Amino acid sequence: MSDLNRGIMKFKNADKPSVIFLSSILVLGSIIALIVWALSTAYAI
């Protein structure tokens, strides 16, 4: 069992590259969305 198959991702095939890629896109996309929202709220762009 790899280290990626433990912790939060406790499902079968959690260490597949496609699952890792999809979750990283989801996390990075939400971070970028929060940054854009914060900048548009703080400054009138």
N, C-alpha and C. Protein backbone atom coordinates (compact mmCIF):
# COMPACT_ATOMS: atom_id res chain seq x y z
N MET A 1 0.85 -1.19 0.00
CA MET A 1 0.00 0.00 0.00
C MET A 1 0.89 1.23 0.00
N SER A 2 0.58 2.13 -0.91
CA SER A 2 1.39 3.35 -0.96
C SER A 2 0.91 4.35 0.09
N ASP A 3 1.71 5.38 0.28
CA ASP A 3 1.35 6.40 1.27
C ASP A 3 0.14 7.21 0.84
N LEU A 4 -0.13 7.27 -0.49
CA LEU A 4 -1.26 8.05 -0.97
C LEU A 4 -2.59 7.34 -0.72
N ASN A 5 -2.54 6.07 -0.39
CA ASN A 5 -3.75 5.30 -0.16
C ASN A 5 -4.16 5.33 1.31
N ARG A 6 -3.58 6.22 2.07
CA ARG A 6 -3.88 6.35 3.50
C ARG A 6 -4.41 7.74 3.78
N GLY A 7 -4.82 7.97 4.99
CA GLY A 7 -5.28 9.30 5.39
C GLY A 7 -6.64 9.63 4.80
N ILE A 8 -6.73 10.80 4.17
CA ILE A 8 -8.01 11.27 3.63
C ILE A 8 -8.46 10.41 2.45
N MET A 9 -7.53 10.01 1.61
CA MET A 9 -7.89 9.29 0.39
C MET A 9 -7.89 7.78 0.65
N LYS A 10 -8.84 7.33 1.44
CA LYS A 10 -8.92 5.91 1.79
C LYS A 10 -9.85 5.18 0.84
N PHE A 11 -9.53 5.17 -0.43
CA PHE A 11 -10.30 4.38 -1.37
C PHE A 11 -9.35 3.67 -2.32
N LYS A 12 -9.86 2.67 -2.98
CA LYS A 12 -9.03 1.87 -3.86
C LYS A 12 -8.57 2.71 -5.05
N ASN A 13 -7.35 2.50 -5.47
CA ASN A 13 -6.72 3.22 -6.59
C ASN A 13 -6.57 4.71 -6.32
N ALA A 14 -6.38 5.08 -5.08
CA ALA A 14 -6.17 6.50 -4.75
C ALA A 14 -4.80 6.98 -5.23
N ASP A 15 -3.91 6.07 -5.54
CA ASP A 15 -2.57 6.46 -5.97
C ASP A 15 -2.42 6.44 -7.49
N LYS A 16 -3.53 6.33 -8.23
CA LYS A 16 -3.46 6.40 -9.69
C LYS A 16 -3.12 7.82 -10.11
N PRO A 17 -2.30 7.98 -11.13
CA PRO A 17 -1.92 9.34 -11.56
C PRO A 17 -3.11 10.19 -11.99
N SER A 18 -4.13 9.59 -12.58
CA SER A 18 -5.28 10.38 -13.02
C SER A 18 -6.05 10.94 -11.81
N VAL A 19 -6.16 10.17 -10.73
CA VAL A 19 -6.85 10.65 -9.53
C VAL A 19 -6.04 11.75 -8.86
N ILE A 20 -4.74 11.58 -8.82
CA ILE A 20 -3.87 12.60 -8.23
C ILE A 20 -3.94 13.89 -9.04
N PHE A 21 -3.93 13.77 -10.37
CA PHE A 21 -4.01 14.94 -11.24
C PHE A 21 -5.34 15.66 -11.06
N LEU A 22 -6.43 14.91 -11.00
CA LEU A 22 -7.75 15.51 -10.85
C LEU A 22 -7.88 16.23 -9.51
N SER A 23 -7.40 15.64 -8.44
CA SER A 23 -7.51 16.28 -7.14
C SER A 23 -6.59 17.50 -7.05
N SER A 24 -5.43 17.45 -7.68
CA SER A 24 -4.55 18.62 -7.64
C SER A 24 -5.14 19.77 -8.45
N ILE A 25 -5.79 19.48 -9.57
CA ILE A 25 -6.45 20.53 -10.35
C ILE A 25 -7.59 21.14 -9.55
N LEU A 26 -8.33 20.30 -8.82
CA LEU A 26 -9.43 20.79 -7.99
C LEU A 26 -8.92 21.71 -6.89
N VAL A 27 -7.84 21.31 -6.22
CA VAL A 27 -7.29 22.12 -5.13
C VAL A 27 -6.70 23.42 -5.66
N LEU A 28 -5.91 23.35 -6.72
CA LEU A 28 -5.29 24.56 -7.26
C LEU A 28 -6.33 25.50 -7.85
N GLY A 29 -7.36 24.94 -8.47
CA GLY A 29 -8.42 25.77 -9.02
C GLY A 29 -9.19 26.51 -7.95
N SER A 30 -9.45 25.84 -6.84
CA SER A 30 -10.17 26.52 -5.76
C SER A 30 -9.30 27.59 -5.11
N ILE A 31 -8.00 27.36 -5.00
CA ILE A 31 -7.10 28.37 -4.45
C ILE A 31 -7.06 29.59 -5.37
N ILE A 32 -6.97 29.37 -6.67
CA ILE A 32 -6.95 30.47 -7.63
C ILE A 32 -8.27 31.23 -7.59
N ALA A 33 -9.38 30.50 -7.48
CA ALA A 33 -10.69 31.16 -7.40
C ALA A 33 -10.80 32.03 -6.15
N LEU A 34 -10.27 31.56 -5.04
CA LEU A 34 -10.30 32.36 -3.81
C LEU A 34 -9.43 33.60 -3.93
N ILE A 35 -8.28 33.48 -4.57
CA ILE A 35 -7.40 34.64 -4.76
C ILE A 35 -8.06 35.67 -5.66
N VAL A 36 -8.68 35.21 -6.75
CA VAL A 36 -9.36 36.13 -7.66
C VAL A 36 -10.53 36.80 -6.96
N TRP A 37 -11.29 36.03 -6.19
CA TRP A 37 -12.42 36.61 -5.45
C TRP A 37 -11.94 37.64 -4.43
N ALA A 38 -10.86 37.34 -3.73
CA ALA A 38 -10.34 38.27 -2.72
C ALA A 38 -9.83 39.56 -3.36
N LEU A 39 -9.15 39.44 -4.49
CA LEU A 39 -8.64 40.64 -5.16
C LEU A 39 -9.78 41.47 -5.74
N SER A 40 -10.80 40.81 -6.29
CA SER A 40 -11.91 41.58 -6.86
C SER A 40 -12.76 42.20 -5.76
N THR A 41 -12.78 41.61 -4.58
CA THR A 41 -13.53 42.20 -3.47
C THR A 41 -12.75 43.37 -2.86
N ALA A 42 -11.45 43.23 -2.75
CA ALA A 42 -10.63 44.26 -2.12
C ALA A 42 -10.43 45.47 -3.03
N TYR A 43 -10.30 45.24 -4.31
CA TYR A 43 -10.04 46.32 -5.26
C TYR A 43 -11.14 46.32 -6.32
N ALA A 44 -11.53 47.49 -6.74
CA ALA A 44 -12.55 47.61 -7.78
C ALA A 44 -11.92 47.38 -9.13
N ILE A 45 -11.88 46.15 -9.55
CA ILE A 45 -11.27 45.80 -10.85
C ILE A 45 -12.38 45.67 -11.88
